[in-house]
Amino acid sequence: MIAETVCSAVAAAGLGIAAVTAYRRRFLAAARIAAYALVPLGLAMTGVVDWVVDTAFSPTAWAGFGVLGVAWALFAVTRAVEKRRGGTRKERRAAAAAAQREAVAPQASAPSLGPTARTAPRPQTTTRGGSEDFSDIEAILKKHGI
C-alpha cells in the first residue's frame, strides 16, 4: 500500500514539474517529463510494484540473484581464460592445421623483386674501434642543418 502511495506522489510531482516546464514554453521537454512521471503510476497500477517489493524482501529471490551472479562470474572467467589461451580448442586445432599445410607453389606467393633487386647484403663496416658506421645518419643530419 505504501509503495503505491509513493508511486502516486512521484507521478503527481512529475506532472507538476511538467506543467511548470510547459508554462515556460518548453513543450517537448514538458512532454518528456510527463512521460517519465507517468511510468511509476503505470507500474503501480499493473502490480509490478508489488512484485518488486515482494522480491526485494524475499531471501529466496536474493539467493537466486546470488546464483545468477556466480553464473555470470563463471562465464566471465572462462571467457578470459579462453582469450588468453588463444581461442577455443576447435579454433586452436583449425589454426594448427592451417599452419601445417604448405602452399601449392611456395615461390608463387613470394614477391617478384627482379634480378637487380637481389643484391648481396652490405657488410657492416666499423670505424672508431668497433662502433657502427653512422655516415648515413650524419648525412641526414647535415641535410637538415643539424
Protein backbone atom coordinates (compact mmCIF):
# COMPACT_ATOMS: atom_id res chain seq x y z
CA MET A 1 0.00 0.00 0.00
CA ILE A 2 2.80 2.38 0.82
CA ALA A 3 4.59 1.63 -2.46
CA GLU A 4 1.51 2.64 -4.46
CA THR A 5 1.24 5.86 -2.46
CA VAL A 6 4.89 6.70 -3.13
CA CYS A 7 4.46 5.98 -6.84
CA SER A 8 1.37 8.18 -6.98
CA ALA A 9 3.20 11.00 -5.20
CA VAL A 10 6.16 10.73 -7.58
CA ALA A 11 3.79 10.83 -10.55
CA ALA A 12 1.97 13.88 -9.18
CA ALA A 13 5.25 15.71 -8.54
CA GLY A 14 6.50 14.84 -12.02
CA LEU A 15 3.29 16.07 -13.64
CA GLY A 16 3.62 19.31 -11.65
CA ILE A 17 7.17 19.80 -12.93
CA ALA A 18 5.93 19.06 -16.46
CA ALA A 19 3.22 21.73 -16.06
CA VAL A 20 5.79 24.32 -14.96
CA THR A 21 8.03 23.36 -17.89
CA ALA A 22 5.12 23.70 -20.33
CA TYR A 23 4.30 27.12 -18.83
CA ARG A 24 7.85 28.17 -19.78
CA ARG A 25 7.04 27.17 -23.38
CA ARG A 26 9.33 24.16 -23.44
CA PHE A 27 6.66 21.77 -24.66
CA LEU A 28 8.93 18.97 -25.88
CA ALA A 29 10.74 18.79 -22.54
CA ALA A 30 7.39 19.01 -20.71
CA ALA A 31 6.01 16.07 -22.68
CA ARG A 32 9.14 14.03 -21.93
CA ILE A 33 8.91 14.84 -18.18
CA ALA A 34 5.22 13.90 -18.16
CA ALA A 35 6.05 10.57 -19.81
CA TYR A 36 8.67 9.81 -17.17
CA ALA A 37 6.24 10.89 -14.41
CA LEU A 38 3.53 8.50 -15.59
CA VAL A 39 5.82 5.43 -15.55
CA PRO A 40 5.72 4.84 -11.75
CA LEU A 41 1.94 5.29 -11.73
CA GLY A 42 1.55 2.75 -14.52
CA LEU A 43 3.84 0.29 -12.75
CA ALA A 44 1.83 0.64 -9.55
CA MET A 45 -1.45 0.10 -11.41
CA THR A 46 -0.21 -3.06 -13.17
CA GLY A 47 1.05 -4.70 -9.99
CA VAL A 48 4.73 -4.63 -10.87
CA VAL A 49 5.49 -2.62 -7.74
CA ASP A 50 4.00 -5.33 -5.54
CA TRP A 51 6.13 -7.93 -7.30
CA VAL A 52 9.28 -5.81 -6.84
CA VAL A 53 8.53 -5.24 -3.16
CA ASP A 54 7.91 -8.96 -2.64
CA THR A 55 11.14 -9.76 -4.46
CA ALA A 56 13.20 -7.20 -2.55
CA PHE A 57 12.26 -8.69 0.83
CA SER A 58 12.46 -12.36 -0.19
CA PRO A 59 15.57 -14.36 0.86
CA THR A 60 14.87 -16.87 -1.90
CA ALA A 61 14.94 -14.12 -4.52
CA TRP A 62 18.25 -12.81 -3.17
CA ALA A 63 19.70 -16.32 -3.24
CA GLY A 64 18.59 -16.55 -6.86
CA PHE A 65 20.34 -13.27 -7.64
CA GLY A 66 23.46 -14.67 -5.96
CA VAL A 67 23.32 -17.80 -8.13
CA LEU A 68 22.93 -15.63 -11.22
CA GLY A 69 25.97 -13.58 -10.11
CA VAL A 70 28.06 -16.73 -9.69
CA ALA A 71 26.99 -17.94 -13.13
CA TRP A 72 27.94 -14.58 -14.66
CA ALA A 73 31.34 -14.68 -12.91
CA LEU A 74 31.99 -18.18 -14.25
CA PHE A 75 31.14 -17.05 -17.78
CA ALA A 76 33.47 -14.06 -17.46
CA VAL A 77 36.37 -16.09 -16.05
CA THR A 78 36.09 -18.84 -18.65
CA ARG A 79 35.94 -16.25 -21.44
CA ALA A 80 39.06 -14.51 -20.11
CA VAL A 81 40.95 -17.81 -19.89
CA GLU A 82 39.79 -18.73 -23.39
CA LYS A 83 41.06 -15.41 -24.75
CA ARG A 84 44.38 -15.84 -23.00
CA ARG A 85 44.89 -19.30 -24.45
CA GLY A 86 44.11 -18.09 -27.94
CA GLY A 87 40.57 -19.28 -28.55
CA THR A 88 38.65 -22.49 -28.10
CA ARG A 89 40.14 -25.91 -28.66
CA LYS A 90 38.40 -26.13 -32.02
CA GLU A 91 39.85 -22.77 -33.12
CA ARG A 92 43.36 -23.78 -32.00
CA ARG A 93 43.13 -27.05 -33.94
CA ALA A 94 41.98 -25.23 -37.06
CA ALA A 95 44.87 -22.74 -36.76
CA ALA A 96 47.40 -25.56 -36.29
CA ALA A 97 46.04 -27.43 -39.29
CA ALA A 98 46.25 -24.29 -41.43
CA ALA A 99 49.84 -23.71 -40.31
CA GLN A 100 50.85 -27.25 -41.25
CA ARG A 101 49.54 -27.01 -44.76
CA GLU A 102 52.07 -25.71 -47.27
CA ALA A 103 51.31 -23.55 -50.27
CA VAL A 104 50.95 -25.36 -53.57
CA ALA A 105 53.75 -23.31 -55.10
CA PRO A 106 55.68 -21.57 -52.30
CA GLN A 107 57.68 -19.44 -54.76
CA ALA A 108 54.49 -18.21 -56.41
CA SER A 109 53.43 -16.40 -53.27
CA ALA A 110 56.81 -14.65 -52.85
CA PRO A 111 57.00 -11.15 -54.29
CA SER A 112 58.85 -10.78 -57.56
CA LEU A 113 61.79 -8.49 -56.96
CA GLY A 114 63.60 -8.91 -60.28
CA PRO A 115 67.28 -9.70 -60.82
CA THR A 116 68.62 -6.26 -59.85
CA ALA A 117 66.89 -6.06 -56.52
CA ARG A 118 68.53 -9.23 -55.25
CA THR A 119 71.89 -7.94 -54.20
CA ALA A 120 74.15 -9.28 -51.55
CA PRO A 121 73.71 -7.70 -48.17
CA ARG A 122 76.14 -4.91 -47.42
CA PRO A 123 78.81 -5.88 -44.95
CA GLN A 124 78.80 -3.70 -41.89
CA THR A 125 81.85 -1.55 -41.70
CA THR A 126 83.18 -0.42 -38.41
CA THR A 127 85.02 2.73 -37.59
CA ARG A 128 86.45 4.10 -34.38
CA GLY A 129 87.19 0.81 -32.75
CA GLY A 130 84.02 -1.26 -33.13
CA SER A 131 81.23 1.33 -33.37
CA GLU A 132 78.85 1.14 -36.32
CA ASP A 133 79.15 3.32 -39.40
CA PHE A 134 76.91 6.35 -38.90
CA SER A 135 77.72 8.07 -42.17
CA ASP A 136 74.16 7.81 -43.49
CA ILE A 137 72.79 9.31 -40.27
CA GLU A 138 75.37 12.06 -40.40
CA ALA A 139 74.34 12.84 -43.99
CA ILE A 140 70.71 13.17 -42.98
CA LEU A 141 71.60 15.42 -40.07
CA LYS A 142 73.79 17.63 -42.31
CA LYS A 143 70.97 17.82 -44.86
CA HIS A 144 68.67 19.24 -42.19
CA GLY A 145 71.33 21.59 -40.87
CA ILE A 146 71.90 19.87 -37.57
